[in-house]
N, C-alpha and C. Protein backbone atom coordinates (compact mmCIF):
# COMPACT_ATOMS: atom_id res chain seq x y z
N MET A 1 18.06 163.12 -39.53
CA MET A 1 18.23 163.85 -38.28
C MET A 1 17.26 163.27 -37.23
N VAL A 2 17.76 163.01 -36.03
CA VAL A 2 16.96 162.46 -34.95
C VAL A 2 16.24 163.59 -34.23
N LYS A 3 14.93 163.41 -34.06
CA LYS A 3 14.12 164.42 -33.38
C LYS A 3 14.38 164.34 -31.87
N LYS A 4 14.62 165.47 -31.24
CA LYS A 4 14.82 165.52 -29.80
C LYS A 4 13.46 165.43 -29.11
N LEU A 5 13.37 164.54 -28.12
CA LEU A 5 12.11 164.36 -27.41
C LEU A 5 11.96 165.38 -26.30
N SER A 6 10.74 165.84 -26.10
CA SER A 6 10.46 166.76 -25.00
C SER A 6 10.44 165.98 -23.68
N LYS A 7 10.49 166.70 -22.58
CA LYS A 7 10.43 166.08 -21.26
C LYS A 7 9.15 165.26 -21.13
N GLN A 8 8.02 165.78 -21.56
CA GLN A 8 6.74 165.07 -21.45
C GLN A 8 6.72 163.82 -22.31
N GLN A 9 7.33 163.88 -23.49
CA GLN A 9 7.39 162.69 -24.35
C GLN A 9 8.22 161.59 -23.69
N LYS A 10 9.33 161.96 -23.07
CA LYS A 10 10.17 160.99 -22.38
C LYS A 10 9.42 160.36 -21.20
N ILE A 11 8.70 161.19 -20.45
CA ILE A 11 7.92 160.67 -19.32
C ILE A 11 6.87 159.67 -19.81
N LYS A 12 6.21 160.00 -20.91
CA LYS A 12 5.18 159.10 -21.47
C LYS A 12 5.81 157.77 -21.90
N ILE A 13 6.96 157.83 -22.55
CA ILE A 13 7.66 156.60 -22.96
C ILE A 13 7.99 155.76 -21.74
N ALA A 14 8.56 156.40 -20.71
CA ALA A 14 8.95 155.69 -19.49
C ALA A 14 7.74 155.07 -18.81
N MET A 15 6.66 155.79 -18.70
CA MET A 15 5.45 155.27 -18.03
C MET A 15 4.89 154.05 -18.77
N ASN A 16 5.02 154.04 -20.09
CA ASN A 16 4.52 152.91 -20.89
C ASN A 16 5.36 151.65 -20.71
N LEU A 17 6.53 151.76 -20.09
CA LEU A 17 7.40 150.61 -19.85
C LEU A 17 7.05 149.89 -18.55
N LEU A 18 6.20 150.51 -17.73
CA LEU A 18 5.92 149.98 -16.40
C LEU A 18 4.84 148.91 -16.41
N ASP A 19 4.94 148.00 -15.45
CA ASP A 19 3.91 147.00 -15.25
C ASP A 19 2.62 147.72 -14.85
N SER A 20 1.49 147.24 -15.35
CA SER A 20 0.21 147.91 -15.07
C SER A 20 -0.17 147.86 -13.59
N SER A 21 0.40 146.92 -12.84
CA SER A 21 0.07 146.82 -11.41
C SER A 21 0.92 147.78 -10.56
N TYR A 22 1.93 148.39 -11.17
CA TYR A 22 2.81 149.29 -10.42
C TYR A 22 2.07 150.57 -10.08
N ARG A 23 1.98 150.88 -8.80
CA ARG A 23 1.33 152.10 -8.34
C ARG A 23 2.34 153.24 -8.43
N THR A 24 2.06 154.21 -9.25
CA THR A 24 3.01 155.29 -9.46
C THR A 24 2.81 156.40 -8.44
N ASP A 25 3.85 156.69 -7.72
CA ASP A 25 3.88 157.80 -6.77
C ASP A 25 5.08 158.65 -7.13
N LEU A 26 4.89 159.53 -8.10
CA LEU A 26 6.00 160.38 -8.54
C LEU A 26 6.60 161.13 -7.37
N GLY A 27 7.92 161.08 -7.29
CA GLY A 27 8.62 161.83 -6.27
C GLY A 27 8.64 161.19 -4.90
N SER A 28 8.05 160.01 -4.76
CA SER A 28 8.09 159.30 -3.48
C SER A 28 9.22 158.29 -3.51
N VAL A 29 9.83 158.07 -2.36
CA VAL A 29 10.90 157.09 -2.26
C VAL A 29 10.37 155.88 -1.52
N ARG A 30 10.32 154.77 -2.21
CA ARG A 30 9.86 153.52 -1.62
C ARG A 30 11.04 152.80 -0.99
N ILE A 31 10.80 152.24 0.17
CA ILE A 31 11.82 151.50 0.90
C ILE A 31 11.60 150.01 0.69
N ASN A 32 12.67 149.30 0.39
CA ASN A 32 12.62 147.85 0.25
C ASN A 32 13.42 147.27 1.41
N THR A 33 12.73 146.66 2.36
CA THR A 33 13.39 146.16 3.57
C THR A 33 14.27 144.93 3.30
N HIS A 34 14.26 144.43 2.08
CA HIS A 34 15.19 143.35 1.71
C HIS A 34 16.58 143.89 1.40
N ASN A 35 16.68 145.20 1.23
CA ASN A 35 17.97 145.84 1.01
C ASN A 35 18.56 146.29 2.35
N THR A 36 19.85 146.58 2.34
CA THR A 36 20.48 147.09 3.56
C THR A 36 20.11 148.55 3.78
N ILE A 37 20.32 149.01 4.99
CA ILE A 37 20.05 150.42 5.30
C ILE A 37 20.96 151.34 4.48
N ARG A 38 22.20 150.93 4.24
CA ARG A 38 23.11 151.74 3.41
C ARG A 38 22.58 151.86 1.98
N HIS A 39 22.06 150.76 1.45
CA HIS A 39 21.49 150.79 0.10
C HIS A 39 20.32 151.77 0.05
N GLU A 40 19.44 151.67 1.03
CA GLU A 40 18.26 152.54 1.06
C GLU A 40 18.64 154.00 1.30
N LEU A 41 19.65 154.24 2.12
CA LEU A 41 20.13 155.60 2.36
C LEU A 41 20.71 156.19 1.08
N ALA A 42 21.48 155.41 0.35
CA ALA A 42 22.04 155.89 -0.92
C ALA A 42 20.92 156.19 -1.92
N LYS A 43 19.90 155.33 -1.96
CA LYS A 43 18.77 155.56 -2.86
C LYS A 43 18.04 156.85 -2.47
N LEU A 44 17.89 157.09 -1.18
CA LEU A 44 17.25 158.31 -0.71
C LEU A 44 18.06 159.55 -1.10
N ILE A 45 19.36 159.50 -0.92
CA ILE A 45 20.22 160.64 -1.26
C ILE A 45 20.14 160.96 -2.75
N VAL A 46 20.26 159.94 -3.58
CA VAL A 46 20.18 160.16 -5.04
C VAL A 46 18.80 160.70 -5.41
N SER A 47 17.76 160.11 -4.85
CA SER A 47 16.39 160.55 -5.15
C SER A 47 16.17 162.00 -4.71
N TYR A 48 16.63 162.32 -3.52
CA TYR A 48 16.50 163.69 -3.01
C TYR A 48 17.13 164.69 -3.98
N ASN A 49 18.34 164.40 -4.42
CA ASN A 49 19.04 165.32 -5.32
C ASN A 49 18.34 165.43 -6.68
N LEU A 50 17.81 164.33 -7.17
CA LEU A 50 17.08 164.37 -8.44
C LEU A 50 15.79 165.20 -8.31
N ILE A 51 15.04 164.98 -7.23
CA ILE A 51 13.81 165.75 -7.02
C ILE A 51 14.14 167.23 -6.84
N LYS A 52 15.20 167.52 -6.08
CA LYS A 52 15.63 168.91 -5.87
C LYS A 52 15.96 169.58 -7.21
N ASP A 53 16.50 168.79 -8.15
CA ASP A 53 16.84 169.31 -9.48
C ASP A 53 15.68 169.24 -10.46
N LYS A 54 14.47 169.01 -9.93
CA LYS A 54 13.21 169.06 -10.70
C LYS A 54 13.03 167.89 -11.67
N HIS A 55 13.64 166.74 -11.37
CA HIS A 55 13.42 165.56 -12.20
C HIS A 55 12.21 164.79 -11.69
N SER A 56 11.56 164.07 -12.59
CA SER A 56 10.45 163.20 -12.24
C SER A 56 11.00 161.79 -12.04
N ILE A 57 10.81 161.24 -10.82
CA ILE A 57 11.38 159.93 -10.53
C ILE A 57 10.36 158.98 -9.95
N LEU A 58 10.67 157.70 -10.10
CA LEU A 58 9.96 156.62 -9.43
C LEU A 58 11.02 155.71 -8.83
N THR A 59 10.71 155.11 -7.67
CA THR A 59 11.66 154.18 -7.07
C THR A 59 11.03 152.80 -6.95
N GLU A 60 11.88 151.81 -6.87
CA GLU A 60 11.44 150.40 -6.83
C GLU A 60 10.47 150.14 -7.99
N THR A 61 10.87 150.62 -9.14
CA THR A 61 10.08 150.54 -10.36
C THR A 61 9.95 149.10 -10.84
N ILE A 62 8.75 148.71 -11.24
CA ILE A 62 8.53 147.37 -11.78
C ILE A 62 8.13 147.51 -13.26
N PHE A 63 8.93 146.89 -14.12
CA PHE A 63 8.67 146.94 -15.55
C PHE A 63 7.71 145.83 -15.96
N LYS A 64 7.25 145.87 -17.19
CA LYS A 64 6.27 144.89 -17.68
C LYS A 64 6.78 143.46 -17.57
N ASN A 65 8.10 143.25 -17.68
CA ASN A 65 8.65 141.90 -17.57
C ASN A 65 8.98 141.52 -16.12
N LYS A 66 8.52 142.36 -15.17
CA LYS A 66 8.68 142.16 -13.72
C LYS A 66 10.09 142.48 -13.20
N ALA A 67 11.00 142.93 -14.05
CA ALA A 67 12.31 143.39 -13.57
C ALA A 67 12.07 144.63 -12.72
N ARG A 68 12.92 144.82 -11.71
CA ARG A 68 12.74 145.92 -10.77
C ARG A 68 14.00 146.78 -10.73
N ALA A 69 13.82 148.10 -10.84
CA ALA A 69 14.94 149.04 -10.80
C ALA A 69 14.86 149.89 -9.55
N ASP A 70 16.02 150.30 -9.03
CA ASP A 70 16.05 151.15 -7.84
C ASP A 70 15.39 152.50 -8.10
N ILE A 71 15.87 153.19 -9.13
CA ILE A 71 15.35 154.53 -9.44
C ILE A 71 15.16 154.64 -10.94
N LEU A 72 14.02 155.16 -11.36
CA LEU A 72 13.78 155.47 -12.76
C LEU A 72 13.58 156.97 -12.87
N VAL A 73 14.44 157.61 -13.64
CA VAL A 73 14.32 159.05 -13.90
C VAL A 73 13.56 159.16 -15.22
N LEU A 74 12.28 159.48 -15.09
CA LEU A 74 11.40 159.44 -16.26
C LEU A 74 11.79 160.45 -17.33
N ASP A 75 12.15 161.65 -16.92
CA ASP A 75 12.38 162.71 -17.91
C ASP A 75 13.74 162.63 -18.59
N THR A 76 14.57 161.66 -18.20
CA THR A 76 15.83 161.43 -18.92
C THR A 76 15.92 160.00 -19.44
N LEU A 77 14.88 159.21 -19.19
CA LEU A 77 14.85 157.79 -19.58
C LEU A 77 16.09 157.06 -19.06
N THR A 78 16.35 157.25 -17.76
CA THR A 78 17.54 156.66 -17.13
C THR A 78 17.14 155.86 -15.90
N CYS A 79 17.72 154.67 -15.79
CA CYS A 79 17.59 153.86 -14.58
C CYS A 79 18.88 154.02 -13.79
N ILE A 80 18.73 154.15 -12.48
CA ILE A 80 19.90 154.22 -11.60
C ILE A 80 19.86 153.00 -10.70
N GLU A 81 20.95 152.24 -10.75
CA GLU A 81 21.10 151.05 -9.91
C GLU A 81 22.10 151.36 -8.82
N ILE A 82 21.69 151.15 -7.59
CA ILE A 82 22.56 151.34 -6.43
C ILE A 82 23.17 149.99 -6.07
N MET A 83 24.49 149.95 -5.99
CA MET A 83 25.17 148.69 -5.68
C MET A 83 25.87 148.81 -4.34
N GLU A 84 25.68 147.79 -3.52
CA GLU A 84 26.44 147.74 -2.27
C GLU A 84 27.30 146.49 -2.24
N SER A 85 26.69 145.35 -2.15
CA SER A 85 27.48 144.12 -2.06
C SER A 85 27.64 143.45 -3.43
N GLU A 86 26.84 143.86 -4.40
CA GLU A 86 26.95 143.21 -5.70
C GLU A 86 28.04 143.86 -6.55
N SER A 87 28.60 143.09 -7.43
CA SER A 87 29.63 143.59 -8.33
C SER A 87 28.99 144.31 -9.51
N LEU A 88 29.79 145.09 -10.21
CA LEU A 88 29.31 145.77 -11.41
C LEU A 88 28.87 144.73 -12.44
N ASP A 89 29.62 143.65 -12.57
CA ASP A 89 29.24 142.60 -13.52
C ASP A 89 27.88 142.01 -13.18
N SER A 90 27.64 141.76 -11.90
CA SER A 90 26.35 141.22 -11.46
C SER A 90 25.22 142.21 -11.74
N ALA A 91 25.47 143.48 -11.47
CA ALA A 91 24.46 144.52 -11.73
C ALA A 91 24.17 144.63 -13.22
N LYS A 92 25.20 144.51 -14.04
CA LYS A 92 25.01 144.59 -15.49
C LYS A 92 24.18 143.41 -16.00
N ILE A 93 24.37 142.24 -15.41
CA ILE A 93 23.55 141.08 -15.79
C ILE A 93 22.09 141.35 -15.43
N LYS A 94 21.86 141.88 -14.24
CA LYS A 94 20.50 142.21 -13.78
C LYS A 94 19.82 143.18 -14.74
N THR A 95 20.56 144.19 -15.16
CA THR A 95 19.95 145.25 -15.98
C THR A 95 19.75 144.85 -17.44
N THR A 96 20.23 143.67 -17.85
CA THR A 96 19.93 143.22 -19.22
C THR A 96 18.43 142.98 -19.39
N LYS A 97 17.72 142.84 -18.27
CA LYS A 97 16.27 142.63 -18.31
C LYS A 97 15.49 143.95 -18.40
N TYR A 98 16.19 145.06 -18.28
CA TYR A 98 15.52 146.37 -18.35
C TYR A 98 15.18 146.72 -19.79
N PRO A 99 14.13 147.51 -19.99
CA PRO A 99 13.79 147.92 -21.35
C PRO A 99 14.96 148.61 -22.04
N THR A 100 15.14 148.30 -23.31
CA THR A 100 16.28 148.83 -24.07
C THR A 100 16.18 150.34 -24.32
N GLU A 101 15.03 150.91 -24.10
CA GLU A 101 14.86 152.36 -24.29
C GLU A 101 15.58 153.18 -23.22
N LEU A 102 16.01 152.50 -22.15
CA LEU A 102 16.56 153.21 -20.99
C LEU A 102 18.08 153.18 -20.95
N ASN A 103 18.65 154.28 -20.47
CA ASN A 103 20.07 154.35 -20.14
C ASN A 103 20.22 153.83 -18.73
N ILE A 104 21.37 153.26 -18.42
CA ILE A 104 21.61 152.72 -17.08
C ILE A 104 22.81 153.42 -16.46
N LEU A 105 22.64 153.84 -15.22
CA LEU A 105 23.73 154.44 -14.44
C LEU A 105 23.93 153.58 -13.20
N TYR A 106 25.15 153.17 -12.96
CA TYR A 106 25.49 152.32 -11.81
C TYR A 106 26.24 153.16 -10.78
N LEU A 107 25.76 153.15 -9.55
CA LEU A 107 26.41 153.88 -8.46
C LEU A 107 26.60 152.94 -7.27
N THR A 108 27.73 153.08 -6.59
CA THR A 108 27.92 152.29 -5.38
C THR A 108 27.44 153.09 -4.18
N THR A 109 27.06 152.38 -3.13
CA THR A 109 26.61 153.08 -1.92
C THR A 109 27.74 153.95 -1.37
N THR A 110 28.97 153.47 -1.47
CA THR A 110 30.11 154.22 -0.94
C THR A 110 30.28 155.54 -1.67
N GLU A 111 30.24 155.53 -3.00
CA GLU A 111 30.43 156.79 -3.72
C GLU A 111 29.28 157.77 -3.48
N VAL A 112 28.07 157.26 -3.28
CA VAL A 112 26.94 158.15 -3.01
C VAL A 112 27.03 158.73 -1.61
N ILE A 113 27.19 157.87 -0.60
CA ILE A 113 27.16 158.31 0.78
C ILE A 113 28.40 159.13 1.14
N ASP A 114 29.56 158.69 0.69
CA ASP A 114 30.80 159.40 1.02
C ASP A 114 30.92 160.76 0.36
N ASN A 115 30.19 160.98 -0.74
CA ASN A 115 30.25 162.26 -1.45
C ASN A 115 29.14 163.20 -1.06
N GLU A 116 28.33 162.84 -0.08
CA GLU A 116 27.20 163.65 0.34
C GLU A 116 27.45 164.24 1.71
N GLU A 117 27.13 165.51 1.87
CA GLU A 117 27.23 166.12 3.18
C GLU A 117 25.92 165.88 3.91
N ILE A 118 25.99 165.06 4.94
CA ILE A 118 24.77 164.70 5.69
C ILE A 118 24.81 165.40 7.03
């Protein structure tokens, strides 16, 4: 039987996957000006909803192998990748560098922005 992990245990596992130089600001949304405004807006919308639902998140997360994720939901061990111009296949190739302990969720900017009442 597999033991179910507590929220704190999941957060500890996720934090141990991060590069030691990564400055953790739980609940803050970091902006990457190399992305489009639509990409950043979608990341903000998803982050806002996760924080509102009491999840612990980090954005622009840097892992020990220097791979970078848009959003890391620590208490569910999930990475969320926001896609605008890249294909799902391209995003899946990118996320092969992510730690195997994490689940990956792929969202397009269109599905995030179009489904949100702004």
